[in-house]
C-alpha atoms as a PDB file:
ATOM      1  CA  MET A   1      14.644  22.903 -23.162  1.00  0.00           C
ATOM      2  CA  GLU A   2      12.685  20.782 -20.687  1.00  0.00           C
ATOM      3  CA  ILE A   3      14.200  17.471 -19.597  1.00  0.00           C
ATOM      4  CA  TYR A   4      11.738  14.599 -19.502  1.00  0.00           C
ATOM      5  CA  MET A   5      12.601  11.583 -17.396  1.00  0.00           C
ATOM      6  CA  LYS A   6      11.490   8.272 -18.825  1.00  0.00           C
ATOM      7  CA  ILE A   7      10.073   5.074 -17.371  1.00  0.00           C
ATOM      8  CA  ASN A   8       7.888   2.184 -18.454  1.00  0.00           C
ATOM      9  CA  ALA A   9       4.211   3.124 -18.019  1.00  0.00           C
ATOM     10  CA  LYS A  10       3.287  -0.230 -16.471  1.00  0.00           C
ATOM     11  CA  THR A  11       6.126   0.008 -13.915  1.00  0.00           C
ATOM     12  CA  LEU A  12       4.893   3.377 -12.696  1.00  0.00           C
ATOM     13  CA  ALA A  13       1.234   2.304 -12.720  1.00  0.00           C
ATOM     14  CA  ASN A  14       2.017  -0.863 -10.740  1.00  0.00           C
ATOM     15  CA  PHE A  15       3.944   1.115  -8.127  1.00  0.00           C
ATOM     16  CA  LEU A  16       1.202   3.710  -7.645  1.00  0.00           C
ATOM     17  CA  SER A  17      -1.478   1.006  -7.520  1.00  0.00           C
ATOM     18  CA  LYS A  18       0.308  -0.794  -4.694  1.00  0.00           C
ATOM     19  CA  VAL A  19       0.939   2.321  -2.611  1.00  0.00           C
ATOM     20  CA  THR A  20      -2.482   3.927  -3.066  1.00  0.00           C
ATOM     21  CA  ILE A  21      -4.403   0.613  -2.972  1.00  0.00           C
ATOM     22  CA  ASN A  22      -5.595   0.906  -6.571  1.00  0.00           C
ATOM     23  CA  GLY A  23      -6.367   4.590  -6.137  1.00  0.00           C
ATOM     24  CA  SER A  24      -8.559   4.228  -3.054  1.00  0.00           C
ATOM     25  CA  MET A  25      -6.255   6.772  -1.435  1.00  0.00           C
ATOM     26  CA  THR A  26      -7.342   9.353  -3.915  1.00  0.00           C
ATOM     27  CA  ASP A  27      -4.576  11.955  -3.853  1.00  0.00           C
ATOM     28  CA  ALA A  28      -0.849  11.859  -3.165  1.00  0.00           C
ATOM     29  CA  LEU A  29       2.417  13.734  -3.310  1.00  0.00           C
ATOM     30  CA  LEU A  30       4.712  12.050  -5.820  1.00  0.00           C
ATOM     31  CA  LYS A  31       8.124  13.009  -4.490  1.00  0.00           C
ATOM     32  CA  PHE A  32      10.955  12.244  -6.871  1.00  0.00           C
ATOM     33  CA  GLY A  33      13.785  12.573  -4.366  1.00  0.00           C
ATOM     34  CA  PRO A  34      17.459  11.572  -4.257  1.00  0.00           C
ATOM     35  CA  ASP A  35      16.619   7.945  -3.437  1.00  0.00           C
ATOM     36  CA  GLY A  36      13.818   7.575  -5.980  1.00  0.00           C
ATOM     37  CA  LEU A  37      10.070   8.153  -6.208  1.00  0.00           C
ATOM     38  CA  SER A  38       8.522   8.053  -2.725  1.00  0.00           C
ATOM     39  CA  VAL A  39       4.829   8.213  -1.845  1.00  0.00           C
ATOM     40  CA  SER A  40       3.309   8.131   1.660  1.00  0.00           C
ATOM     41  CA  VAL A  41      -0.460   8.183   2.111  1.00  0.00           C
ATOM     42  CA  LYS A  42      -3.264   7.459   4.571  1.00  0.00           C
ATOM     43  CA  ASP A  43      -6.885   6.502   4.105  1.00  0.00           C
ATOM     44  CA  ILE A  44      -9.610   8.970   5.023  1.00  0.00           C
ATOM     45  CA  SER A  45     -10.559   6.970   8.129  1.00  0.00           C
ATOM     46  CA  ASN A  46      -6.978   7.135   9.457  1.00  0.00           C
ATOM     47  CA  THR A  47      -7.003   3.369  10.004  1.00  0.00           C
ATOM     48  CA  GLY A  48      -4.537   2.543   7.230  1.00  0.00           C
ATOM     49  CA  PHE A  49      -1.210   3.953   6.062  1.00  0.00           C
ATOM     50  CA  ALA A  50       0.986   3.061   3.105  1.00  0.00           C
ATOM     51  CA  THR A  51       4.379   4.118   1.849  1.00  0.00           C
ATOM     52  CA  GLY A  52       6.504   3.089  -1.100  1.00  0.00           C
ATOM     53  CA  LEU A  53       9.827   3.818  -2.725  1.00  0.00           C
ATOM     54  CA  LEU A  54      10.509   3.167  -6.408  1.00  0.00           C
ATOM     55  CA  LYS A  55      14.262   3.333  -6.888  1.00  0.00           C
ATOM     56  CA  PRO A  56      15.985   4.921  -9.897  1.00  0.00           C
ATOM     57  CA  THR A  57      17.175   1.392 -10.766  1.00  0.00           C
ATOM     58  CA  ALA A  58      13.549   0.471 -11.580  1.00  0.00           C
ATOM     59  CA  GLY A  59      14.126   1.648 -15.137  1.00  0.00           C
ATOM     60  CA  PHE A  60      14.191   5.440 -14.897  1.00  0.00           C
ATOM     61  CA  ILE A  61      16.120   7.211 -17.653  1.00  0.00           C
ATOM     62  CA  ASP A  62      17.287  10.815 -17.195  1.00  0.00           C
ATOM     63  CA  TYR A  63      15.962  10.667 -13.617  1.00  0.00           C
ATOM     64  CA  GLN A  64      15.328  14.113 -12.107  1.00  0.00           C
ATOM     65  CA  GLN A  65      14.182  15.332  -8.712  1.00  0.00           C
ATOM     66  CA  MET A  66      10.787  17.056  -8.564  1.00  0.00           C
ATOM     67  CA  ASP A  67       7.485  17.059  -6.658  1.00  0.00           C
ATOM     68  CA  ALA A  68       4.080  16.326  -8.151  1.00  0.00           C
ATOM     69  CA  PRO A  69       1.083  16.786  -5.774  1.00  0.00           C
ATOM     70  CA  VAL A  70      -1.540  14.831  -7.721  1.00  0.00           C
ATOM     71  CA  LYS A  71      -5.200  15.711  -7.052  1.00  0.00           C
ATOM     72  CA  SER A  72      -6.710  12.555  -8.550  1.00  0.00           C
ATOM     73  CA  ILE A  73      -4.743   9.322  -8.356  1.00  0.00           C
ATOM     74  CA  PRO A  74      -7.621   7.322  -9.939  1.00  0.00           C
ATOM     75  CA  LYS A  75      -7.507   9.519 -13.054  1.00  0.00           C
ATOM     76  CA  LEU A  76      -3.721   9.299 -13.251  1.00  0.00           C
ATOM     77  CA  LEU A  77      -3.778   5.518 -12.804  1.00  0.00           C
ATOM     78  CA  SER A  78      -6.474   5.081 -15.433  1.00  0.00           C
ATOM     79  CA  PHE A  79      -4.387   7.059 -17.917  1.00  0.00           C
ATOM     80  CA  LEU A  80      -1.131   5.234 -17.112  1.00  0.00           C
ATOM     81  CA  LYS A  81      -2.790   1.836 -17.475  1.00  0.00           C
ATOM     82  CA  SER A  82      -3.950   2.806 -20.962  1.00  0.00           C
ATOM     83  CA  LEU A  83      -0.364   3.362 -22.094  1.00  0.00           C
ATOM     84  CA  ASN A  84       2.265   0.902 -23.294  1.00  0.00           C
ATOM     85  CA  GLY A  85       6.009   1.116 -23.393  1.00  0.00           C
ATOM     86  CA  THR A  86       8.163   4.021 -22.266  1.00  0.00           C
ATOM     87  CA  ILE A  87       6.637   7.335 -21.237  1.00  0.00           C
ATOM     88  CA  GLU A  88       8.191  10.731 -20.617  1.00  0.00           C
ATOM     89  CA  LEU A  89       7.200  12.821 -17.609  1.00  0.00           C
ATOM     90  CA  THR A  90       8.088  16.130 -16.013  1.00  0.00           C
ATOM     91  CA  VAL A  91       6.477  19.055 -14.200  1.00  0.00           C
ATOM     92  CA  ILE A  92       5.871  22.267 -16.158  1.00  0.00           C
ATOM     93  CA  ASP A  93       3.892  25.303 -14.921  1.00  0.00           C
ATOM     94  CA  ASN A  94       2.265  23.342 -12.074  1.00  0.00           C
ATOM     95  CA  ASN A  95       1.237  20.525 -14.402  1.00  0.00           C
ATOM     96  CA  LEU A  96       2.399  16.935 -14.506  1.00  0.00           C
ATOM     97  CA  ILE A  97       3.119  16.307 -18.176  1.00  0.00           C
ATOM     98  CA  ILE A  98       3.134  12.730 -19.480  1.00  0.00           C
ATOM     99  CA  LYS A  99       4.021  11.897 -23.073  1.00  0.00           C
ATOM    100  CA  SER A 100       3.884   8.616 -24.938  1.00  0.00           C
ATOM    101  CA  GLU A 101       4.117   7.663 -28.602  1.00  0.00           C
ATOM    102  CA  GLU A 102       0.372   7.952 -29.177  1.00  0.00           C
ATOM    103  CA  ASN A 103      -1.198   9.691 -26.189  1.00  0.00           C
ATOM    104  CA  ASN A 104      -0.192  12.667 -24.033  1.00  0.00           C
ATOM    105  CA  GLY A 105      -1.591  13.841 -20.698  1.00  0.00           C
ATOM    106  CA  LYS A 106      -1.531  17.002 -18.621  1.00  0.00           C
ATOM    107  CA  PHE A 107      -2.632  16.819 -14.985  1.00  0.00           C
ATOM    108  CA  LYS A 108      -3.113  20.029 -13.011  1.00  0.00           C
ATOM    109  CA  LEU A 109      -1.306  19.759  -9.685  1.00  0.00           C
ATOM    110  CA  ALA A 110      -2.642  20.716  -6.261  1.00  0.00           C
ATOM    111  CA  GLU A 111      -1.156  22.588  -3.330  1.00  0.00           C
ATOM    112  CA  VAL A 112       0.355  19.995  -0.983  1.00  0.00           C
ATOM    113  CA  GLN A 113      -1.568  21.326   2.034  1.00  0.00           C
ATOM    114  CA  TYR A 114      -4.878  20.556   0.303  1.00  0.00           C
ATOM    115  CA  LEU A 115      -4.144  16.878  -0.252  1.00  0.00           C
ATOM    116  CA  GLU A 116      -6.351  14.788   2.049  1.00  0.00           C
ATOM    117  CA  CYS A 117      -4.409  11.522   1.900  1.00  0.00           C
ATOM    118  CA  ASN A 118      -0.823  12.760   1.904  1.00  0.00           C
ATOM    119  CA  LEU A 119       1.409  11.842   4.861  1.00  0.00           C
ATOM    120  CA  ASN A 120       4.245  14.223   5.613  1.00  0.00           C
ATOM    121  CA  ALA A 121       6.034  11.392   7.399  1.00  0.00           C
ATOM    122  CA  PHE A 122       5.222   7.700   7.628  1.00  0.00           C
ATOM    123  CA  PRO A 123       4.511   6.825  11.298  1.00  0.00           C
ATOM    124  CA  ALA A 124       6.985   4.756  13.308  1.00  0.00           C
ATOM    125  CA  PHE A 125       5.806   2.180  15.828  1.00  0.00           C
ATOM    126  CA  GLU A 126       8.111   1.273  18.727  1.00  0.00           C
ATOM    127  CA  LYS A 127       6.645  -2.193  19.281  1.00  0.00           C
ATOM    128  CA  HIS A 128       7.302  -3.409  15.739  1.00  0.00           C
ATOM    129  CA  ASP A 129      10.124  -5.954  15.545  1.00  0.00           C
ATOM    130  CA  GLY A 130      11.740  -7.896  12.690  1.00  0.00           C
ATOM    131  CA  GLY A 131       8.573  -9.873  12.118  1.00  0.00           C
ATOM    132  CA  PHE A 132       8.239 -13.082  10.085  1.00  0.00           C
ATOM    133  CA  GLU A 133       8.064 -13.821   6.375  1.00  0.00           C
ATOM    134  CA  VAL A 134       5.068 -15.399   4.680  1.00  0.00           C
ATOM    135  CA  ASP A 135       3.933 -15.999   1.141  1.00  0.00           C
ATOM    136  CA  SER A 136       1.215 -13.500   0.293  1.00  0.00           C
ATOM    137  CA  LYS A 137      -0.983 -16.415  -0.793  1.00  0.00           C
ATOM    138  CA  ILE A 138      -1.928 -16.865   2.867  1.00  0.00           C
ATOM    139  CA  LEU A 139      -3.159 -13.256   2.931  1.00  0.00           C
ATOM    140  CA  ASP A 140      -5.112 -13.722  -0.275  1.00  0.00           C
ATOM    141  CA  MET A 141      -6.698 -16.850   1.190  1.00  0.00           C
ATOM    142  CA  ALA A 142      -7.789 -14.872   4.251  1.00  0.00           C
ATOM    143  CA  LYS A 143      -9.350 -12.214   2.040  1.00  0.00           C
ATOM    144  CA  LYS A 144     -11.293 -14.865   0.107  1.00  0.00           C
ATOM    145  CA  ASN A 145     -12.443 -16.443   3.381  1.00  0.00           C
ATOM    146  CA  ALA A 146     -13.818 -13.115   4.574  1.00  0.00           C
ATOM    147  CA  SER A 147     -15.586 -12.632   1.251  1.00  0.00           C
ATOM    148  CA  THR A 148     -17.092 -16.120   1.441  1.00  0.00           C
ATOM    149  CA  LEU A 149     -18.584 -15.397   4.865  1.00  0.00           C
ATOM    150  CA  GLY A 150     -19.486 -11.808   4.057  1.00  0.00           C
ATOM    151  CA  PHE A 151     -17.244 -10.407   6.791  1.00  0.00           C
ATOM    152  CA  LYS A 152     -15.532  -7.020   6.657  1.00  0.00           C
ATOM    153  CA  HIS A 153     -13.094  -7.750   9.476  1.00  0.00           C
ATOM    154  CA  VAL A 154     -10.724 -10.550  10.456  1.00  0.00           C
ATOM    155  CA  PHE A 155      -8.802 -11.693  13.536  1.00  0.00           C
ATOM    156  CA  ALA A 156      -5.016 -12.153  13.460  1.00  0.00           C
ATOM    157  CA  GLU A 157      -3.002 -14.115  16.017  1.00  0.00           C
ATOM    158  CA  VAL A 158       0.041 -16.314  16.488  1.00  0.00           C
ATOM    159  CA  THR A 159      -0.614 -19.377  18.598  1.00  0.00           C
ATOM    160  CA  ASN A 160       1.555 -22.491  19.007  1.00  0.00           C
ATOM    161  CA  GLY A 161       3.741 -21.355  16.112  1.00  0.00           C
ATOM    162  CA  ASP A 162       0.781 -20.823  13.749  1.00  0.00           C
ATOM    163  CA  PHE A 163       0.006 -17.439  12.224  1.00  0.00           C
ATOM    164  CA  CYS A 164      -3.769 -17.451  11.828  1.00  0.00           C
ATOM    165  CA  ILE A 165      -6.159 -15.055  10.120  1.00  0.00           C
ATOM    166  CA  THR A 166      -9.732 -15.917  10.998  1.00  0.00           C
ATOM    167  CA  ALA A 167     -12.970 -14.720   9.410  1.00  0.00           C
ATOM    168  CA  GLY A 168     -16.162 -15.245  11.375  1.00  0.00           C
ATOM    169  CA  GLU A 169     -17.152 -15.251  15.035  1.00  0.00           C
ATOM    170  CA  ASP A 170     -16.637 -18.076  17.532  1.00  0.00           C
ATOM    171  CA  GLU A 171     -20.363 -18.796  17.849  1.00  0.00           C
ATOM    172  CA  PHE A 172     -20.937 -18.969  14.067  1.00  0.00           C
ATOM    173  CA  ASP A 173     -19.248 -20.096  10.842  1.00  0.00           C
ATOM    174  CA  GLN A 174     -15.501 -19.549  10.714  1.00  0.00           C
ATOM    175  CA  LEU A 175     -12.811 -19.893   8.059  1.00  0.00           C
ATOM    176  CA  GLN A 176      -9.154 -19.715   9.073  1.00  0.00           C
ATOM    177  CA  ALA A 177      -6.075 -19.294   6.891  1.00  0.00           C
ATOM    178  CA  HIS A 178      -2.944 -20.357   8.756  1.00  0.00           C
ATOM    179  CA  VAL A 179       0.758 -21.070   8.286  1.00  0.00           C
ATOM    180  CA  LYS A 180       3.657 -22.119  10.513  1.00  0.00           C
ATOM    181  CA  VAL A 181       5.973 -19.217  11.484  1.00  0.00           C
ATOM    182  CA  ASP A 182       8.908 -18.610  13.806  1.00  0.00           C
ATOM    183  CA  TYR A 183       7.454 -15.809  15.920  1.00  0.00           C
ATOM    184  CA  LYS A 184       6.322 -14.919  19.407  1.00  0.00           C
ATOM    185  CA  GLU A 185       2.812 -15.676  20.661  1.00  0.00           C
ATOM    186  CA  VAL A 186       0.362 -12.862  19.841  1.00  0.00           C
ATOM    187  CA  MET A 187      -3.153 -12.788  21.253  1.00  0.00           C
ATOM    188  CA  ARG A 188      -6.060 -12.467  18.838  1.00  0.00           C
ATOM    189  CA  THR A 189      -6.512  -8.927  17.505  1.00  0.00           C
ATOM    190  CA  MET A 190      -9.275  -7.664  15.237  1.00  0.00           C
ATOM    191  CA  TYR A 191      -8.545  -5.709  12.038  1.00  0.00           C
ATOM    192  CA  ALA A 192     -11.125  -4.023   9.839  1.00  0.00           C
ATOM    193  CA  ALA A 193     -11.772  -3.993   6.083  1.00  0.00           C
ATOM    194  CA  THR A 194      -8.698  -1.817   5.521  1.00  0.00           C
ATOM    195  CA  LEU A 195      -6.500  -4.894   5.936  1.00  0.00           C
ATOM    196  CA  LEU A 196      -8.539  -6.818   3.378  1.00  0.00           C
ATOM    197  CA  GLU A 197      -8.241  -3.921   0.936  1.00  0.00           C
ATOM    198  CA  PHE A 198      -4.464  -3.768   1.399  1.00  0.00           C
ATOM    199  CA  ILE A 199      -4.141  -7.509   0.772  1.00  0.00           C
ATOM    200  CA  SER A 200      -5.503  -7.017  -2.744  1.00  0.00           C
ATOM    201  CA  VAL A 201      -2.271  -5.276  -3.874  1.00  0.00           C
ATOM    202  CA  ILE A 202       0.266  -7.494  -2.080  1.00  0.00           C
ATOM    203  CA  ASP A 203       2.044 -10.285  -3.939  1.00  0.00           C
ATOM    204  CA  GLY A 204       5.124 -12.448  -3.511  1.00  0.00           C
ATOM    205  CA  LYS A 205       6.817 -12.665  -0.124  1.00  0.00           C
ATOM    206  CA  ALA A 206       5.919 -10.275   2.690  1.00  0.00           C
ATOM    207  CA  VAL A 207       7.151  -9.655   6.234  1.00  0.00           C
ATOM    208  CA  ILE A 208       4.523  -9.183   8.953  1.00  0.00           C
ATOM    209  CA  THR A 209       4.949  -7.772  12.446  1.00  0.00           C
ATOM    210  CA  PHE A 210       2.242  -7.056  15.028  1.00  0.00           C
ATOM    211  CA  ASN A 211       1.293  -7.238  18.691  1.00  0.00           C
ATOM    212  CA  GLU A 212      -1.975  -7.644  20.552  1.00  0.00           C
ATOM    213  CA  ASP A 213      -4.256  -4.625  20.012  1.00  0.00           C
ATOM    214  CA  TYR A 214      -1.491  -2.931  18.026  1.00  0.00           C
ATOM    215  CA  PRO A 215      -1.103  -1.867  14.388  1.00  0.00           C
ATOM    216  CA  LEU A 216      -0.129  -4.623  11.958  1.00  0.00           C
ATOM    217  CA  LEU A 217       2.747  -3.854   9.564  1.00  0.00           C
ATOM    218  CA  ILE A 218       3.286  -5.618   6.239  1.00  0.00           C
ATOM    219  CA  THR A 219       6.531  -4.999   4.337  1.00  0.00           C
ATOM    220  CA  SER A 220       7.395  -6.076   0.799  1.00  0.00           C
ATOM    221  CA  THR A 221      10.902  -5.550  -0.553  1.00  0.00           C
ATOM    222  CA  ASN A 222      12.562  -6.251  -3.880  1.00  0.00           C
ATOM    223  CA  PRO A 223      15.701  -4.854  -5.567  1.00  0.00           C
ATOM    224  CA  ASP A 224      13.860  -1.907  -7.140  1.00  0.00           C
ATOM    225  CA  SER A 225      11.134  -1.048  -4.626  1.00  0.00           C
ATOM    226  CA  ILE A 226      10.040  -1.102  -0.993  1.00  0.00           C
ATOM    227  CA  TYR A 227       6.439  -1.052   0.249  1.00  0.00           C
ATOM    228  CA  LYS A 228       4.988  -0.791   3.745  1.00  0.00           C
ATOM    229  CA  TRP A 229       1.333  -1.040   4.736  1.00  0.00           C
ATOM    230  CA  VAL A 230       0.088  -0.430   8.299  1.00  0.00           C
ATOM    231  CA  VAL A 231      -3.417  -1.222   9.567  1.00  0.00           C
ATOM    232  CA  ALA A 232      -4.735  -0.085  12.951  1.00  0.00           C
ATOM    233  CA  PRO A 233      -6.587  -2.610  15.142  1.00  0.00           C
ATOM    234  CA  MET A 234     -10.314  -2.343  15.646  1.00  0.00           C
ATOM    235  CA  VAL A 235     -11.470  -1.194  19.070  1.00  0.00           C
ATOM    236  CA  LYS A 236     -13.699  -3.759  20.693  1.00  0.00           C
ATOM    237  CA  PRO A 237     -17.141  -2.525  21.793  1.00  0.00           C
ATOM    238  CA  SER A 238     -17.242  -1.909  25.555  1.00  0.00           C
ATOM    239  CA  ASP A 239     -19.758  -4.683  26.101  1.00  0.00           C
ATOM    240  CA  GLU A 240     -17.316  -7.205  24.544  1.00  0.00           C
ATOM    241  CA  GLU A 241     -14.276  -6.228  26.623  1.00  0.00           C
END
């Protein structure tokens, strides 16, 4: 008799949406390990990385360890978002089986080596420190500023105790979201659209750490889950250096 672990469909969908940036990282290894469900992925451009852990305390019932290399996260997310209440899931004959009261799904699994977005290990960065905490509203404001100006990149810096995210160039229109923080001075560094995409899934409080011309790390932690998003800096054109 197969044992199906159970969890609320919306809880699982919310977790996968945050880690895969609403399915933009299109495949992933769902690793139900001893500490919970972990997922580590990268975008195709290798400019962004994300990892998340959904702990057994997040509402799992009959939790079991297993691996599910999912070929299409967008399809899985679309199905999960259509469900309500508790679902049952397990892996049978290389298929991820999901059952609910009214709708069941079977998703053929891939070989792990063929997943394009899977990360075997989330990268560590020696220059990242404890960072500073901000309300994610400041990040959302920066994203809206970039949209208003039609920009796909922003500049991040800490100057005179202000964490600033600026959209626009010095010689033209600029919009700047800013907040007071207790952090070291960091010279202005440019980050591409990947950062703006990541911001769309971040809510509540977040911890940020970065250095000049160095990847920016955003961490969100709550009792049942941990998320980390890393964005590489943009390389300045040689004629601007």
